[in-house]
Protein backbone atom coordinates (compact mmCIF):
# COMPACT_ATOMS: atom_id res chain seq x y z
CA MET A 1 127.54 -258.95 89.69
CA GLU A 2 130.46 -257.38 87.96
CA ASP A 3 132.73 -260.07 89.36
CA LYS A 4 130.43 -262.75 87.95
CA THR A 5 130.49 -261.08 84.60
CA ARG A 6 134.23 -260.86 84.54
CA HIS A 7 134.49 -264.59 85.60
CA ILE A 8 132.16 -265.65 82.86
CA GLU A 9 133.98 -263.48 80.36
CA SER A 10 137.16 -265.20 81.42
CA LEU A 11 135.56 -268.59 80.97
CA PHE A 12 134.32 -267.56 77.51
CA LYS A 13 137.86 -266.52 76.41
CA GLN A 14 139.33 -269.71 77.90
CA HIS A 15 136.81 -272.31 76.63
CA TYR A 16 134.99 -270.81 73.61
CA GLN A 17 137.19 -272.57 71.03
CA ALA A 18 136.93 -276.02 72.45
CA MET A 19 133.16 -275.61 73.03
CA TYR A 20 132.63 -274.34 69.40
CA ARG A 21 134.78 -277.15 67.96
CA LEU A 22 132.67 -279.82 69.79
CA ALA A 23 129.43 -278.21 68.63
CA PHE A 24 130.60 -277.92 65.08
CA MET A 25 131.81 -281.47 65.08
CA MET A 26 128.38 -282.61 66.16
CA LEU A 27 126.23 -280.25 64.09
CA HIS A 28 128.32 -279.38 60.99
CA ASP A 29 126.69 -275.98 61.00
CA GLU A 30 128.61 -272.89 62.01
CA GLU A 31 125.63 -270.74 62.96
CA GLU A 32 123.98 -273.40 65.10
CA SER A 33 127.33 -274.24 66.76
CA ARG A 34 127.84 -270.62 67.75
CA ASP A 35 124.33 -270.33 69.02
CA ILE A 36 124.75 -273.41 71.17
CA VAL A 37 127.91 -272.09 72.78
CA HIS A 38 126.41 -268.64 73.23
CA ASP A 39 123.28 -270.19 74.88
CA VAL A 40 125.49 -271.94 77.45
CA PHE A 41 127.06 -268.61 78.42
CA ALA A 42 123.85 -266.71 78.34
CA ARG A 43 122.47 -269.26 80.85
CA LEU A 44 125.53 -268.80 82.95
CA LEU A 45 124.94 -265.08 82.98
CA ASP A 46 121.35 -265.48 83.83
CA GLY A 47 122.14 -267.78 86.72
CA ASP A 48 120.27 -270.73 85.32
CA ILE A 49 123.36 -272.88 85.54
CA ARG A 50 125.47 -273.72 88.64
CA PHE A 51 128.68 -275.74 88.40
CA ASP A 52 131.66 -276.91 90.36
CA SER A 53 134.47 -274.70 89.44
CA ASP A 54 137.05 -277.53 89.58
CA LYS A 55 135.46 -279.17 86.65
CA VAL A 56 134.29 -276.12 84.69
CA GLY A 57 135.78 -277.18 81.28
CA THR A 58 134.16 -280.62 81.48
CA PHE A 59 130.89 -279.14 82.59
CA LEU A 60 130.83 -276.47 79.73
CA LEU A 61 131.59 -279.15 77.19
CA SER A 62 128.82 -281.31 78.61
CA CYS A 63 126.39 -278.37 78.36
CA VAL A 64 127.42 -277.95 74.68
CA ARG A 65 127.02 -281.70 74.00
CA ASN A 66 123.56 -281.66 75.52
CA GLY A 67 122.57 -278.63 73.54
CA CYS A 68 123.73 -280.19 70.32
CA LEU A 69 121.91 -283.48 71.12
CA ASN A 70 118.70 -281.36 71.68
CA VAL A 71 119.11 -279.57 68.39
CA MET A 72 119.76 -282.95 66.62
CA ARG A 73 116.61 -284.50 68.24
CA SER A 74 114.66 -281.55 67.15
CA HIS A 75 115.88 -281.85 63.58
CA ASP A 76 115.18 -285.62 63.49
CA THR A 77 111.66 -285.04 64.95
CA ARG A 78 110.89 -282.24 62.53
CA GLU A 79 112.18 -284.24 59.51
CA ARG A 80 110.17 -287.31 60.56
CA ALA A 81 107.03 -285.22 61.05
CA MET A 82 107.45 -283.52 57.77
CA ARG A 83 107.92 -286.86 55.99
CA ASP A 84 105.10 -288.69 57.77
CA PHE A 85 102.60 -285.82 57.95
CA PRO A 86 103.21 -283.66 54.93
CA ILE A 87 101.36 -280.32 55.17
CA ASP A 88 99.84 -279.07 51.88
CA ASP A 89 97.47 -276.38 53.15
CA GLU A 90 97.56 -275.74 56.82
CA ASP A 91 94.14 -275.70 58.29
CA PRO A 92 93.95 -272.84 60.71
CA SER A 93 91.71 -274.87 63.21
CA GLU A 94 94.58 -277.44 63.42
CA SER A 95 97.11 -274.76 64.15
CA GLU A 96 94.82 -273.32 66.82
CA ALA A 97 94.32 -276.78 68.27
CA PHE A 98 98.07 -277.28 68.45
CA GLU A 99 98.59 -273.94 70.04
CA SER A 100 96.00 -274.75 72.70
CA GLU A 101 97.65 -278.06 73.39
CA ILE A 102 101.06 -276.34 73.80
CA GLN A 103 99.40 -273.80 76.12
CA ALA A 104 97.78 -276.66 78.13
CA LEU A 105 101.11 -278.45 78.47
CA GLN A 106 102.88 -275.27 79.55
CA ASN A 107 100.12 -274.65 82.15
CA GLY A 108 100.40 -278.18 83.33
CA ILE A 109 104.15 -277.83 83.79
CA SER A 110 103.70 -274.72 85.83
CA ARG A 111 101.25 -276.42 88.12
CA LEU A 112 103.26 -279.56 88.77
CA THR A 113 103.45 -280.54 92.39
CA PRO A 114 105.69 -280.87 94.23
CA PRO A 115 107.77 -278.20 92.76
CA ILE A 116 110.73 -280.52 92.27
CA CYS A 117 108.73 -282.25 89.59
CA ARG A 118 108.62 -279.08 87.54
CA GLU A 119 112.36 -278.47 88.11
CA ILE A 120 113.24 -281.97 87.00
CA ILE A 121 110.95 -281.66 83.85
CA LEU A 122 112.64 -278.49 82.80
CA LEU A 123 116.24 -279.72 83.62
CA HIS A 124 115.65 -282.96 81.63
CA TYR A 125 113.58 -281.87 78.66
CA ARG A 126 114.60 -278.17 78.33
CA TYR A 127 118.22 -278.30 79.17
CA GLY A 128 118.89 -281.94 78.25
CA LEU A 129 120.49 -283.05 81.59
CA THR A 130 120.66 -286.65 82.38
CA PHE A 131 119.21 -288.14 85.48
CA ARG A 132 122.69 -288.38 86.96
CA GLU A 133 123.39 -284.66 86.27
CA ILE A 134 120.10 -283.70 87.79
CA ALA A 135 120.60 -285.86 90.83
CA ALA A 136 124.00 -284.26 91.42
CA ARG A 137 122.61 -280.79 90.96
CA LEU A 138 119.66 -281.35 93.34
CA GLN A 139 121.61 -283.61 95.68
CA VAL A 140 119.24 -286.48 95.58
CA SER A 141 119.51 -290.04 94.21
CA GLU A 142 118.89 -290.91 90.66
CA THR A 143 115.97 -293.07 91.79
CA THR A 144 114.27 -290.02 93.31
CA ILE A 145 114.77 -288.11 90.05
CA TYR A 146 113.14 -291.07 88.15
CA LYS A 147 110.20 -291.22 90.49
CA HIS A 148 109.50 -287.49 90.40
CA LEU A 149 109.81 -287.49 86.62
CA ARG A 150 107.37 -290.31 86.38
CA ASN A 151 105.08 -288.48 88.69
CA ALA A 152 105.36 -285.29 86.64
CA LEU A 153 104.63 -287.11 83.31
CA ASN A 154 101.56 -288.82 84.87
CA GLN A 155 100.22 -285.45 85.96
CA LEU A 156 100.94 -283.98 82.50
CA ARG A 157 99.17 -286.87 80.88
CA LEU A 158 96.14 -286.27 83.00
CA THR A 159 96.20 -282.54 82.19
CA ILE A 160 96.24 -283.26 78.41
CA LYS A 161 93.61 -286.00 78.76
CA ASP A 162 91.27 -283.61 80.65
CA MET A 163 91.81 -281.04 77.86
CA GLY A 164 90.76 -283.34 75.05
């Protein structure tokens, strides 16, 4: 464990500046840029990310890029939602309904079968990996990733439909 921590600390010292510059160029926000870079290293420490040590610099920059794209998507979605659906007085029942939908979705994700479907959903939507990156990580074809993702989304649709 200590060797892993030292290795990640070495990667941090070696690649932090380039990773931060990329994040800042994409987001134009110092705090969010630092958060993105720190999230990448936190996931490395947690063991959530495995990588080929020969291409570590490229991989780390790719993780930063994906994190930035997720943040940008989140901002765009939030801005569109605020513009299209302004909230004057939040109705508590609507908030509770939203929370129950989120809970149903999380439960649906946890029950996806086969387990590779859950892993693909998380890698694609939570970590922002492309089909190609997921296929390389799981050592399967991109077509297999697409089919499992489609299967997972169909299962989730049924879960949400059954809820409402």
